[in-house]
PDB file of N, CA and C in Angstrom:
ATOM      1  N   MET A   1      97.696  89.220  95.966  1.00  0.00           N
ATOM      2  CA  MET A   1      98.078  90.537  95.402  1.00  0.00           C
ATOM      3  C   MET A   1      98.825  90.049  94.003  1.00  0.00           C
ATOM      4  N   LYS A   2      98.654  90.766  92.903  1.00  0.00           N
ATOM      5  CA  LYS A   2      99.162  90.241  91.592  1.00  0.00           C
ATOM      6  C   LYS A   2     100.606  91.112  91.191  1.00  0.00           C
ATOM      7  N   ASN A   3     101.457  90.630  90.585  1.00  0.00           N
ATOM      8  CA  ASN A   3     102.246  91.321  89.982  1.00  0.00           C
ATOM      9  C   ASN A   3     103.081  90.887  88.942  1.00  0.00           C
ATOM     10  N   THR A   4     103.913  91.504  87.883  1.00  0.00           N
ATOM     11  CA  THR A   4     104.208  91.008  86.696  1.00  0.00           C
ATOM     12  C   THR A   4     104.800  89.412  86.757  1.00  0.00           C
ATOM     13  N   ARG A   5     105.470  89.306  88.080  1.00  0.00           N
ATOM     14  CA  ARG A   5     106.004  87.993  88.501  1.00  0.00           C
ATOM     15  C   ARG A   5     105.515  86.894  88.906  1.00  0.00           C
ATOM     16  N   GLY A   6     104.022  87.078  89.164  1.00  0.00           N
ATOM     17  CA  GLY A   6     103.026  86.027  89.856  1.00  0.00           C
ATOM     18  C   GLY A   6     102.559  86.727  90.949  1.00  0.00           C
ATOM     19  N   SER A   7     101.881  85.535  91.806  1.00  0.00           N
ATOM     20  CA  SER A   7     100.758  86.042  92.681  1.00  0.00           C
ATOM     21  C   SER A   7     101.419  85.799  93.845  1.00  0.00           C
ATOM     22  N   VAL A   8     101.520  87.066  94.934  1.00  0.00           N
ATOM     23  CA  VAL A   8     101.934  87.040  96.292  1.00  0.00           C
ATOM     24  C   VAL A   8     100.719  86.277  97.235  1.00  0.00           C
ATOM     25  N   ILE A   9     101.384  85.380  97.819  1.00  0.00           N
ATOM     26  CA  ILE A   9     100.481  85.265  98.837  1.00  0.00           C
ATOM     27  C   ILE A   9     100.460  85.618 100.155  1.00  0.00           C
ATOM     28  N   MET A  10      99.563  86.264 100.729  1.00  0.00           N
ATOM     29  CA  MET A  10      99.982  87.086 102.154  1.00  0.00           C
ATOM     30  C   MET A  10      99.222  86.452 103.154  1.00  0.00           C
ATOM     31  N   PRO A  11      99.739  86.370 104.516  1.00  0.00           N
ATOM     32  CA  PRO A  11      99.248  85.656 105.547  1.00  0.00           C
ATOM     33  C   PRO A  11      97.562  86.395 105.854  1.00  0.00           C
ATOM     34  N   GLU A  12      96.930  85.750 106.563  1.00  0.00           N
ATOM     35  CA  GLU A  12      95.574  86.192 106.546  1.00  0.00           C
ATOM     36  C   GLU A  12      95.640  87.396 107.734  1.00  0.00           C
ATOM     37  N   GLY A  13      94.863  88.504 107.281  1.00  0.00           N
ATOM     38  CA  GLY A  13      94.859  89.666 107.999  1.00  0.00           C
ATOM     39  C   GLY A  13      96.065  90.530 107.739  1.00  0.00           C
ATOM     40  N   PHE A  14      96.656  90.249 106.751  1.00  0.00           N
ATOM     41  CA  PHE A  14      97.642  90.869 106.664  1.00  0.00           C
ATOM     42  C   PHE A  14      97.720  92.530 106.060  1.00  0.00           C
ATOM     43  N   THR A  15      96.711  92.256 105.247  1.00  0.00           N
ATOM     44  CA  THR A  15      96.148  93.779 104.632  1.00  0.00           C
ATOM     45  C   THR A  15      95.482  94.457 105.225  1.00  0.00           C
ATOM     46  N   GLU A  16      94.938  94.080 106.410  1.00  0.00           N
ATOM     47  CA  GLU A  16      93.832  94.734 107.153  1.00  0.00           C
ATOM     48  C   GLU A  16      94.709  95.804 108.202  1.00  0.00           C
ATOM     49  N   GLU A  17      95.999  95.352 108.429  1.00  0.00           N
ATOM     50  CA  GLU A  17      96.881  96.230 109.314  1.00  0.00           C
ATOM     51  C   GLU A  17      98.029  97.048 108.671  1.00  0.00           C
ATOM     52  N   MET A  18      97.817  96.572 107.539  1.00  0.00           N
ATOM     53  CA  MET A  18      99.145  97.560 106.453  1.00  0.00           C
ATOM     54  C   MET A  18      98.325  97.878 104.945  1.00  0.00           C
ATOM     55  N   GLU A  19      99.046  98.448 104.273  1.00  0.00           N
ATOM     56  CA  GLU A  19      98.667  98.586 102.841  1.00  0.00           C
ATOM     57  C   GLU A  19     100.074  98.527 102.265  1.00  0.00           C
ATOM     58  N   PHE A  20      99.649  98.051 101.355  1.00  0.00           N
ATOM     59  CA  PHE A  20     100.567  97.269 100.038  1.00  0.00           C
ATOM     60  C   PHE A  20     101.183  98.522  99.550  1.00  0.00           C
ATOM     61  N   LEU A  21     102.621  98.722  99.593  1.00  0.00           N
ATOM     62  CA  LEU A  21     103.419 100.115  98.689  1.00  0.00           C
ATOM     63  C   LEU A  21     103.862  99.369  97.739  1.00  0.00           C
ATOM     64  N   SER A  22     104.739  98.583  97.765  1.00  0.00           N
ATOM     65  CA  SER A  22     105.746  98.128  96.544  1.00  0.00           C
ATOM     66  C   SER A  22     105.985  96.685  96.410  1.00  0.00           C
ATOM     67  N   SER A  23     106.967  96.069  95.509  1.00  0.00           N
ATOM     68  CA  SER A  23     107.372  95.080  95.514  1.00  0.00           C
ATOM     69  C   SER A  23     108.843  95.058  94.650  1.00  0.00           C
ATOM     70  N   VAL A  24     110.015  94.548  95.283  1.00  0.00           N
ATOM     71  CA  VAL A  24     111.048  94.487  94.507  1.00  0.00           C
ATOM     72  C   VAL A  24     111.597  93.168  93.928  1.00  0.00           C
ATOM     73  N   PHE A  25     112.350  92.985  93.091  1.00  0.00           N
ATOM     74  CA  PHE A  25     112.640  91.529  92.605  1.00  0.00           C
ATOM     75  C   PHE A  25     114.088  91.636  92.321  1.00  0.00           C
ATOM     76  N   SER A  26     114.737  90.539  92.925  1.00  0.00           N
ATOM     77  CA  SER A  26     116.061  90.131  92.929  1.00  0.00           C
ATOM     78  C   SER A  26     116.350  90.044  91.249  1.00  0.00           C
ATOM     79  N   SER A  27     117.522  90.529  90.639  1.00  0.00           N
ATOM     80  CA  SER A  27     117.764  89.981  89.064  1.00  0.00           C
ATOM     81  C   SER A  27     119.016  89.072  89.239  1.00  0.00           C
ATOM     82  N   ILE A  28     119.434  88.957  90.289  1.00  0.00           N
ATOM     83  CA  ILE A  28     120.303  87.857  90.576  1.00  0.00           C
ATOM     84  C   ILE A  28     119.989  86.560  91.287  1.00  0.00           C
ATOM     85  N   GLN A  29     119.189  86.645  92.270  1.00  0.00           N
ATOM     86  CA  GLN A  29     118.238  85.327  93.000  1.00  0.00           C
ATOM     87  C   GLN A  29     116.986  85.628  92.473  1.00  0.00           C
ATOM     88  N   LYS A  30     116.778  84.733  91.635  1.00  0.00           N
ATOM     89  CA  LYS A  30     115.564  84.696  90.844  1.00  0.00           C
ATOM     90  C   LYS A  30     114.190  84.147  91.390  1.00  0.00           C
ATOM     91  N   ASP A  31     114.347  83.596  92.745  1.00  0.00           N
ATOM     92  CA  ASP A  31     113.472  83.005  93.703  1.00  0.00           C
ATOM     93  C   ASP A  31     113.074  83.885  94.694  1.00  0.00           C
ATOM     94  N   SER A  32     113.644  85.206  95.128  1.00  0.00           N
ATOM     95  CA  SER A  32     113.651  86.150  95.857  1.00  0.00           C
ATOM     96  C   SER A  32     113.266  87.371  95.716  1.00  0.00           C
ATOM     97  N   GLY A  33     112.823  87.855  96.451  1.00  0.00           N
ATOM     98  CA  GLY A  33     112.356  89.288  96.670  1.00  0.00           C
ATOM     99  C   GLY A  33     111.988  90.275  97.739  1.00  0.00           C
ATOM    100  N   ILE A  34     111.551  91.478  97.601  1.00  0.00           N
ATOM    101  CA  ILE A  34     111.116  92.223  98.915  1.00  0.00           C
ATOM    102  C   ILE A  34     109.762  92.570  98.752  1.00  0.00           C
ATOM    103  N   LEU A  35     108.911  92.469  99.605  1.00  0.00           N
ATOM    104  CA  LEU A  35     107.410  92.961  99.548  1.00  0.00           C
ATOM    105  C   LEU A  35     107.778  94.404 100.760  1.00  0.00           C
ATOM    106  N   ILE A  36     107.006  95.336 100.408  1.00  0.00           N
ATOM    107  CA  ILE A  36     106.991  96.667 101.042  1.00  0.00           C
ATOM    108  C   ILE A  36     105.674  96.996 101.296  1.00  0.00           C
ATOM    109  N   MET A  37     105.647  97.213 102.750  1.00  0.00           N
ATOM    110  CA  MET A  37     104.271  97.430 103.243  1.00  0.00           C
ATOM    111  C   MET A  37     104.406  98.759 104.078  1.00  0.00           C
ATOM    112  N   GLY A  38     103.113  99.344 104.567  1.00  0.00           N
ATOM    113  CA  GLY A  38     103.166 100.541 105.186  1.00  0.00           C
ATOM    114  C   GLY A  38     102.208 100.767 106.116  1.00  0.00           C
ATOM    115  N   GLU A  39     102.165 101.270 107.333  1.00  0.00           N
ATOM    116  CA  GLU A  39     101.159 101.537 108.340  1.00  0.00           C
ATOM    117  C   GLU A  39     101.426 103.074 108.562  1.00  0.00           C
ATOM    118  N   ASN A  40     100.157 103.565 108.796  1.00  0.00           N
ATOM    119  CA  ASN A  40      99.938 104.898 109.497  1.00  0.00           C
ATOM    120  C   ASN A  40     100.673 106.123 108.575  1.00  0.00           C
ATOM    121  N   LEU A  41     100.422 105.871 107.276  1.00  0.00           N
ATOM    122  CA  LEU A  41     101.249 106.647 106.254  1.00  0.00           C
ATOM    123  C   LEU A  41     100.120 107.879 105.961  1.00  0.00           C
ATOM    124  N   ALA A  42      99.198 108.015 106.345  1.00  0.00           N
ATOM    125  CA  ALA A  42      98.266 109.348 106.192  1.00  0.00           C
ATOM    126  C   ALA A  42      98.741 110.613 106.660  1.00  0.00           C
ATOM    127  N   LEU A  43      98.627 111.506 105.780  1.00  0.00           N
ATOM    128  CA  LEU A  43      99.425 112.796 106.472  1.00  0.00           C
ATOM    129  C   LEU A  43      98.721 113.292 107.661  1.00  0.00           C
ATOM    130  N   GLY A  44      99.519 113.585 108.642  1.00  0.00           N
ATOM    131  CA  GLY A  44      99.089 113.966 109.761  1.00  0.00           C
ATOM    132  C   GLY A  44      98.863 112.752 111.079  1.00  0.00           C
ATOM    133  N   GLY A  45      99.003 111.674 110.573  1.00  0.00           N
ATOM    134  CA  GLY A  45      98.557 110.616 111.174  1.00  0.00           C
ATOM    135  C   GLY A  45      99.977 110.415 112.230  1.00  0.00           C
ATOM    136  N   THR A  46      99.679 109.156 112.955  1.00  0.00           N
ATOM    137  CA  THR A  46     100.498 108.736 113.897  1.00  0.00           C
ATOM    138  C   THR A  46     102.165 108.365 113.101  1.00  0.00           C
ATOM    139  N   VAL A  47     102.877 107.692 114.057  1.00  0.00           N
ATOM    140  CA  VAL A  47     104.155 107.637 113.503  1.00  0.00           C
ATOM    141  C   VAL A  47     103.938 106.501 112.347  1.00  0.00           C
ATOM    142  N   PRO A  48     104.397 106.835 111.047  1.00  0.00           N
ATOM    143  CA  PRO A  48     104.302 106.206 109.753  1.00  0.00           C
ATOM    144  C   PRO A  48     105.607 105.196 109.769  1.00  0.00           C
ATOM    145  N   VAL A  49     105.240 103.706 109.321  1.00  0.00           N
ATOM    146  CA  VAL A  49     106.027 102.734 109.631  1.00  0.00           C
ATOM    147  C   VAL A  49     106.158 102.145 108.255  1.00  0.00           C
ATOM    148  N   ILE A  50     107.405 101.611 107.770  1.00  0.00           N
ATOM    149  CA  ILE A  50     107.652 101.129 106.536  1.00  0.00           C
ATOM    150  C   ILE A  50     108.011  99.508 106.728  1.00  0.00           C
ATOM    151  N   ARG A  51     107.794  98.510 106.376  1.00  0.00           N
ATOM    152  CA  ARG A  51     108.051  97.259 106.651  1.00  0.00           C
ATOM    153  C   ARG A  51     108.727  96.561 105.566  1.00  0.00           C
ATOM    154  N   LEU A  52     109.633  96.004 105.642  1.00  0.00           N
ATOM    155  CA  LEU A  52     110.064  95.216 104.547  1.00  0.00           C
ATOM    156  C   LEU A  52     110.231  93.609 104.751  1.00  0.00           C
ATOM    157  N   TYR A  53     109.346  92.845 103.786  1.00  0.00           N
ATOM    158  CA  TYR A  53     109.361  91.680 104.215  1.00  0.00           C
ATOM    159  C   TYR A  53     110.067  90.723 102.806  1.00  0.00           C
ATOM    160  N   LEU A  54     110.952  89.523 103.159  1.00  0.00           N
ATOM    161  CA  LEU A  54     111.144  88.814 102.384  1.00  0.00           C
ATOM    162  C   LEU A  54     110.244  87.862 101.500  1.00  0.00           C
ATOM    163  N   LEU A  55     110.368  87.933 100.239  1.00  0.00           N
ATOM    164  CA  LEU A  55     109.393  87.061  99.415  1.00  0.00           C
ATOM    165  C   LEU A  55     110.327  85.801  98.696  1.00  0.00           C
ATOM    166  N   LYS A  56     109.782  84.501  98.883  1.00  0.00           N
ATOM    167  CA  LYS A  56     110.401  83.382  98.211  1.00  0.00           C
ATOM    168  C   LYS A  56     109.287  82.737  97.087  1.00  0.00           C
ATOM    169  N   ARG A  57     109.807  82.442  96.361  1.00  0.00           N
ATOM    170  CA  ARG A  57     108.906  81.785  95.107  1.00  0.00           C
ATOM    171  C   ARG A  57     108.788  80.459  95.324  1.00  0.00           C
ATOM    172  N   PHE A  58     107.837  79.541  95.376  1.00  0.00           N
ATOM    173  CA  PHE A  58     107.692  78.397  95.402  1.00  0.00           C
ATOM    174  C   PHE A  58     106.718  78.191  94.134  1.00  0.00           C
ATOM    175  N   ASP A  59     106.779  77.339  93.106  1.00  0.00           N
ATOM    176  CA  ASP A  59     106.475  76.911  92.248  1.00  0.00           C
ATOM    177  C   ASP A  59     106.036  78.222  91.275  1.00  0.00           C
ATOM    178  N   LEU A  60     104.375  78.711  91.192  1.00  0.00           N
ATOM    179  CA  LEU A  60     104.074  80.076  90.540  1.00  0.00           C
ATOM    180  C   LEU A  60     103.766  81.253  91.710  1.00  0.00           C
ATOM    181  N   TYR A  61     104.039  80.733  93.070  1.00  0.00           N
ATOM    182  CA  TYR A  61     103.695  81.819  93.970  1.00  0.00           C
ATOM    183  C   TYR A  61     104.736  82.241  94.557  1.00  0.00           C
ATOM    184  N   TRP A  62     104.560  83.611  95.213  1.00  0.00           N
ATOM    185  CA  TRP A  62     105.436  84.273  96.110  1.00  0.00           C
ATOM    186  C   TRP A  62     104.714  84.229  97.536  1.00  0.00           C
ATOM    187  N   TYR A  63     105.687  83.907  98.367  1.00  0.00           N
ATOM    188  CA  TYR A  63     105.024  83.866  99.851  1.00  0.00           C
ATOM    189  C   TYR A  63     106.025  84.744 100.620  1.00  0.00           C
ATOM    190  N   VAL A  64     105.480  85.024 101.664  1.00  0.00           N
ATOM    191  CA  VAL A  64     106.076  86.116 102.751  1.00  0.00           C
ATOM    192  C   VAL A  64     106.794  85.169 103.526  1.00  0.00           C
ATOM    193  N   GLN A  65     108.125  85.021 103.726  1.00  0.00           N
ATOM    194  CA  GLN A  65     108.599  84.210 104.345  1.00  0.00           C
ATOM    195  C   GLN A  65     109.121  84.876 105.813  1.00  0.00           C
ATOM    196  N   ASP A  66     109.468  86.103 105.974  1.00  0.00           N
ATOM    197  CA  ASP A  66     109.881  86.747 107.105  1.00  0.00           C
ATOM    198  C   ASP A  66     110.023  88.456 107.136  1.00  0.00           C
ATOM    199  N   GLU A  67     109.730  88.889 107.801  1.00  0.00           N
ATOM    200  CA  GLU A  67     110.174  90.191 108.153  1.00  0.00           C
ATOM    201  C   GLU A  67     111.626  90.609 108.430  1.00  0.00           C
ATOM    202  N   LEU A  68     111.913  91.495 107.352  1.00  0.00           N
ATOM    203  CA  LEU A  68     113.665  91.733 107.472  1.00  0.00           C
ATOM    204  C   LEU A  68     113.731  93.000 108.235  1.00  0.00           C
ATOM    205  N   GLU A  69     112.941  93.948 108.027  1.00  0.00           N
ATOM    206  CA  GLU A  69     113.233  95.305 108.756  1.00  0.00           C
ATOM    207  C   GLU A  69     112.085  96.228 108.891  1.00  0.00           C
ATOM    208  N   ALA A  70     111.928  96.932 109.821  1.00  0.00           N
ATOM    209  CA  ALA A  70     110.805  97.804 110.084  1.00  0.00           C
ATOM    210  C   ALA A  70     111.653  99.154 110.229  1.00  0.00           C
ATOM    211  N   PHE A  71     110.860 100.396 109.703  1.00  0.00           N
ATOM    212  CA  PHE A  71     111.568 101.797 109.745  1.00  0.00           C
ATOM    213  C   PHE A  71     110.405 102.699 110.244  1.00  0.00           C
ATOM    214  N   ALA A  72     110.730 103.564 111.299  1.00  0.00           N
ATOM    215  CA  ALA A  72     109.617 104.354 111.595  1.00  0.00           C
ATOM    216  C   ALA A  72     109.685 105.980 111.451  1.00  0.00           C
ATOM    217  N   PHE A  73     109.160 106.564 111.019  1.00  0.00           N
ATOM    218  CA  PHE A  73     109.602 107.988 110.505  1.00  0.00           C
ATOM    219  C   PHE A  73     108.972 109.156 111.058  1.00  0.00           C
ATOM    220  N   THR A  74     109.461 110.462 110.980  1.00  0.00           N
ATOM    221  CA  THR A  74     108.568 111.357 111.959  1.00  0.00           C
ATOM    222  C   THR A  74     107.579 111.915 111.334  1.00  0.00           C
ATOM    223  N   ASN A  75     107.609 111.853 109.783  1.00  0.00           N
ATOM    224  CA  ASN A  75     106.574 111.974 109.013  1.00  0.00           C
ATOM    225  C   ASN A  75     106.160 111.554 108.065  1.00  0.00           C
ATOM    226  N   SER A  76     104.940 111.503 107.195  1.00  0.00           N
ATOM    227  CA  SER A  76     104.769 110.550 105.999  1.00  0.00           C
ATOM    228  C   SER A  76     105.648 110.984 104.564  1.00  0.00           C
ATOM    229  N   VAL A  77     105.723 112.271 104.521  1.00  0.00           N
ATOM    230  CA  VAL A  77     106.915 112.953 103.404  1.00  0.00           C
ATOM    231  C   VAL A  77     108.160 111.951 103.465  1.00  0.00           C
ATOM    232  N   SER A  78     108.662 111.840 104.984  1.00  0.00           N
ATOM    233  CA  SER A  78     110.131 111.056 105.120  1.00  0.00           C
ATOM    234  C   SER A  78     109.765 109.597 104.618  1.00  0.00           C
ATOM    235  N   ALA A  79     108.637 109.192 105.029  1.00  0.00           N
ATOM    236  CA  ALA A  79     108.594 107.687 104.617  1.00  0.00           C
ATOM    237  C   ALA A  79     107.977 107.588 103.352  1.00  0.00           C
ATOM    238  N   TYR A  80     107.817 108.338 102.507  1.00  0.00           N
ATOM    239  CA  TYR A  80     107.243 108.214 100.864  1.00  0.00           C
ATOM    240  C   TYR A  80     108.734 108.783 100.475  1.00  0.00           C
ATOM    241  N   ASN A  81     109.606 109.243 100.910  1.00  0.00           N
ATOM    242  CA  ASN A  81     110.898 109.660 100.306  1.00  0.00           C
ATOM    243  C   ASN A  81     111.939 108.389 100.217  1.00  0.00           C
ATOM    244  N   PHE A  82     111.905 107.967 101.466  1.00  0.00           N
ATOM    245  CA  PHE A  82     112.469 106.506 101.967  1.00  0.00           C
ATOM    246  C   PHE A  82     111.994 105.500 100.688  1.00  0.00           C
ATOM    247  N   LEU A  83     110.691 105.350 100.519  1.00  0.00           N
ATOM    248  CA  LEU A  83     110.227 104.153  99.946  1.00  0.00           C
ATOM    249  C   LEU A  83     110.745 104.766  98.268  1.00  0.00           C
ATOM    250  N   ARG A  84     110.711 105.864  98.023  1.00  0.00           N
ATOM    251  CA  ARG A  84     111.072 106.205  96.634  1.00  0.00           C
ATOM    252  C   ARG A  84     112.584 106.075  96.274  1.00  0.00           C
ATOM    253  N   ASP A  85     113.329 106.120  97.253  1.00  0.00           N
ATOM    254  CA  ASP A  85     114.732 105.909  97.184  1.00  0.00           C
ATOM    255  C   ASP A  85     115.212 104.476  97.144  1.00  0.00           C
ATOM    256  N   LEU A  86     114.327 103.537  97.987  1.00  0.00           N
ATOM    257  CA  LEU A  86     114.943 102.382  98.313  1.00  0.00           C
ATOM    258  C   LEU A  86     115.436 101.303  97.083  1.00  0.00           C
ATOM    259  N   PRO A  87     114.789 101.270  95.863  1.00  0.00           N
ATOM    260  CA  PRO A  87     114.819 100.575  95.031  1.00  0.00           C
ATOM    261  C   PRO A  87     116.213 100.559  94.493  1.00  0.00           C
ATOM    262  N   GLU A  88     116.861 102.026  94.254  1.00  0.00           N
ATOM    263  CA  GLU A  88     118.124 102.254  94.011  1.00  0.00           C
ATOM    264  C   GLU A  88     119.334 102.560  95.064  1.00  0.00           C
ATOM    265  N   MET A  89     118.989 102.182  96.548  1.00  0.00           N
ATOM    266  CA  MET A  89     119.623 102.862  97.329  1.00  0.00           C
ATOM    267  C   MET A  89     120.662 101.454  97.576  1.00  0.00           C
ATOM    268  N   SER A  90     122.116 101.906  97.624  1.00  0.00           N
ATOM    269  CA  SER A  90     123.067 101.218  97.443  1.00  0.00           C
ATOM    270  C   SER A  90     122.741 100.269  98.942  1.00  0.00           C
ATOM    271  N   ALA A  91     123.465  98.916  99.198  1.00  0.00           N
ATOM    272  CA  ALA A  91     123.591  98.411 100.477  1.00  0.00           C
ATOM    273  C   ALA A  91     124.380  99.300 101.669  1.00  0.00           C
ATOM    274  N   LEU A  92     125.274 100.271 101.342  1.00  0.00           N
ATOM    275  CA  LEU A  92     125.918 100.726 102.082  1.00  0.00           C
ATOM    276  C   LEU A  92     124.831 101.892 102.989  1.00  0.00           C
ATOM    277  N   ASP A  93     124.146 102.562 101.909  1.00  0.00           N
ATOM    278  CA  ASP A  93     123.012 103.483 102.263  1.00  0.00           C
ATOM    279  C   ASP A  93     122.211 102.916 103.238  1.00  0.00           C
ATOM    280  N   LEU A  94     121.689 101.916 102.644  1.00  0.00           N
ATOM    281  CA  LEU A  94     120.562 100.908 103.695  1.00  0.00           C
ATOM    282  C   LEU A  94     121.052 100.562 105.014  1.00  0.00           C
ATOM    283  N   LEU A  95     122.456 100.209 104.912  1.00  0.00           N
ATOM    284  CA  LEU A  95     122.868  99.740 106.409  1.00  0.00           C
ATOM    285  C   LEU A  95     122.878 100.825 107.203  1.00  0.00           C
ATOM    286  N   ILE A  96     123.078 102.096 106.756  1.00  0.00           N
ATOM    287  CA  ILE A  96     123.321 103.245 107.424  1.00  0.00           C
ATOM    288  C   ILE A  96     121.797 103.795 107.998  1.00  0.00           C
ATOM    289  N   LYS A  97     120.881 103.453 107.178  1.00  0.00           N
ATOM    290  CA  LYS A  97     119.417 103.813 107.366  1.00  0.00           C
ATOM    291  C   LYS A  97     119.242 102.754 108.684  1.00  0.00           C
ATOM    292  N   MET A  98     119.637 101.503 108.838  1.00  0.00           N
ATOM    293  CA  MET A  98     119.426 100.487 109.529  1.00  0.00           C
ATOM    294  C   MET A  98     119.785 101.044 111.092  1.00  0.00           C
ATOM    295  N   ASN A  99     121.075 101.711 110.877  1.00  0.00           N
ATOM    296  CA  ASN A  99     121.748 102.414 112.312  1.00  0.00           C
ATOM    297  C   ASN A  99     120.969 103.401 112.642  1.00  0.00           C
ATOM    298  N   LYS A 100     120.282 102.933 113.900  1.00  0.00           N
ATOM    299  CA  LYS A 100     119.556 104.141 114.812  1.00  0.00           C
ATOM    300  C   LYS A 100     120.302 105.140 115.086  1.00  0.00           C
ATOM    301  N   THR A 101     120.114 106.023 114.494  1.00  0.00           N
ATOM    302  CA  THR A 101     120.676 107.470 114.816  1.00  0.00           C
ATOM    303  C   THR A 101     120.117 108.698 114.838  1.00  0.00           C
ATOM    304  N   PRO A 102     120.347 109.453 115.259  1.00  0.00           N
ATOM    305  CA  PRO A 102     119.632 111.290 115.115  1.00  0.00           C
ATOM    306  C   PRO A 102     119.689 111.526 113.806  1.00  0.00           C
ATOM    307  N   GLU A 103     121.026 111.148 113.032  1.00  0.00           N
ATOM    308  CA  GLU A 103     120.844 111.783 111.811  1.00  0.00           C
ATOM    309  C   GLU A 103     120.181 111.307 110.751  1.00  0.00           C
ATOM    310  N   ASN A 104     119.944 110.009 110.938  1.00  0.00           N
ATOM    311  CA  ASN A 104     118.803 109.491 110.052  1.00  0.00           C
ATOM    312  C   ASN A 104     117.359 109.407 110.286  1.00  0.00           C
ATOM    313  N   SER A 105     116.735 109.793 109.077  1.00  0.00           N
ATOM    314  CA  SER A 105     115.206 110.239 109.366  1.00  0.00           C
ATOM    315  C   SER A 105     114.197 108.936 109.306  1.00  0.00           C
ATOM    316  N   ALA A 106     115.318 107.670 109.117  1.00  0.00           N
ATOM    317  CA  ALA A 106     114.422 106.397 109.554  1.00  0.00           C
ATOM    318  C   ALA A 106     115.075 105.941 111.036  1.00  0.00           C
ATOM    319  N   THR A 107     113.991 105.544 111.343  1.00  0.00           N
ATOM    320  CA  THR A 107     114.351 104.603 112.801  1.00  0.00           C
ATOM    321  C   THR A 107     114.157 103.247 112.816  1.00  0.00           C
ATOM    322  N   LYS A 108     114.788 102.535 113.318  1.00  0.00           N
ATOM    323  CA  LYS A 108     114.569 101.130 113.141  1.00  0.00           C
ATOM    324  C   LYS A 108     113.673 100.883 113.876  1.00  0.00           C
ATOM    325  N   VAL A 109     112.499  99.657 113.865  1.00  0.00           N
ATOM    326  CA  VAL A 109     110.948  99.625 114.737  1.00  0.00           C
ATOM    327  C   VAL A 109     111.339  98.270 115.355  1.00  0.00           C
ATOM    328  N   ASN A 110     111.607  97.771 116.350  1.00  0.00           N
ATOM    329  CA  ASN A 110     111.365  96.461 116.885  1.00  0.00           C
ATOM    330  C   ASN A 110     110.298  95.767 116.616  1.00  0.00           C
ATOM    331  N   SER A 111     110.439  94.634 115.624  1.00  0.00           N
ATOM    332  CA  SER A 111     109.099  93.780 115.672  1.00  0.00           C
ATOM    333  C   SER A 111     108.517  93.074 116.713  1.00  0.00           C
TER     334      SER A 111
END
């Protein structure tokens, strides 16, 4: 996968199970970023899931380091709203989303 900051090297079979949604790069830690992948996002599909992965840069390439978090949603609209809001979300808002409660539209998924 290419982006404006270089190529992302994904593990074999990674994109067969999930689809690429976005990537976000830190303005503070220049060698870190987040890869955002999705599963079951088609309307009317089973439980939509958005997974966040830590990206680390080595030389000219970005590598998937580890899965940070996975969120399940009741429907695709909620998943896409979360994806839209994620880059501007405060750390506090993200921590609240990570806390599995009935009030949250996102539910943490154990990987």
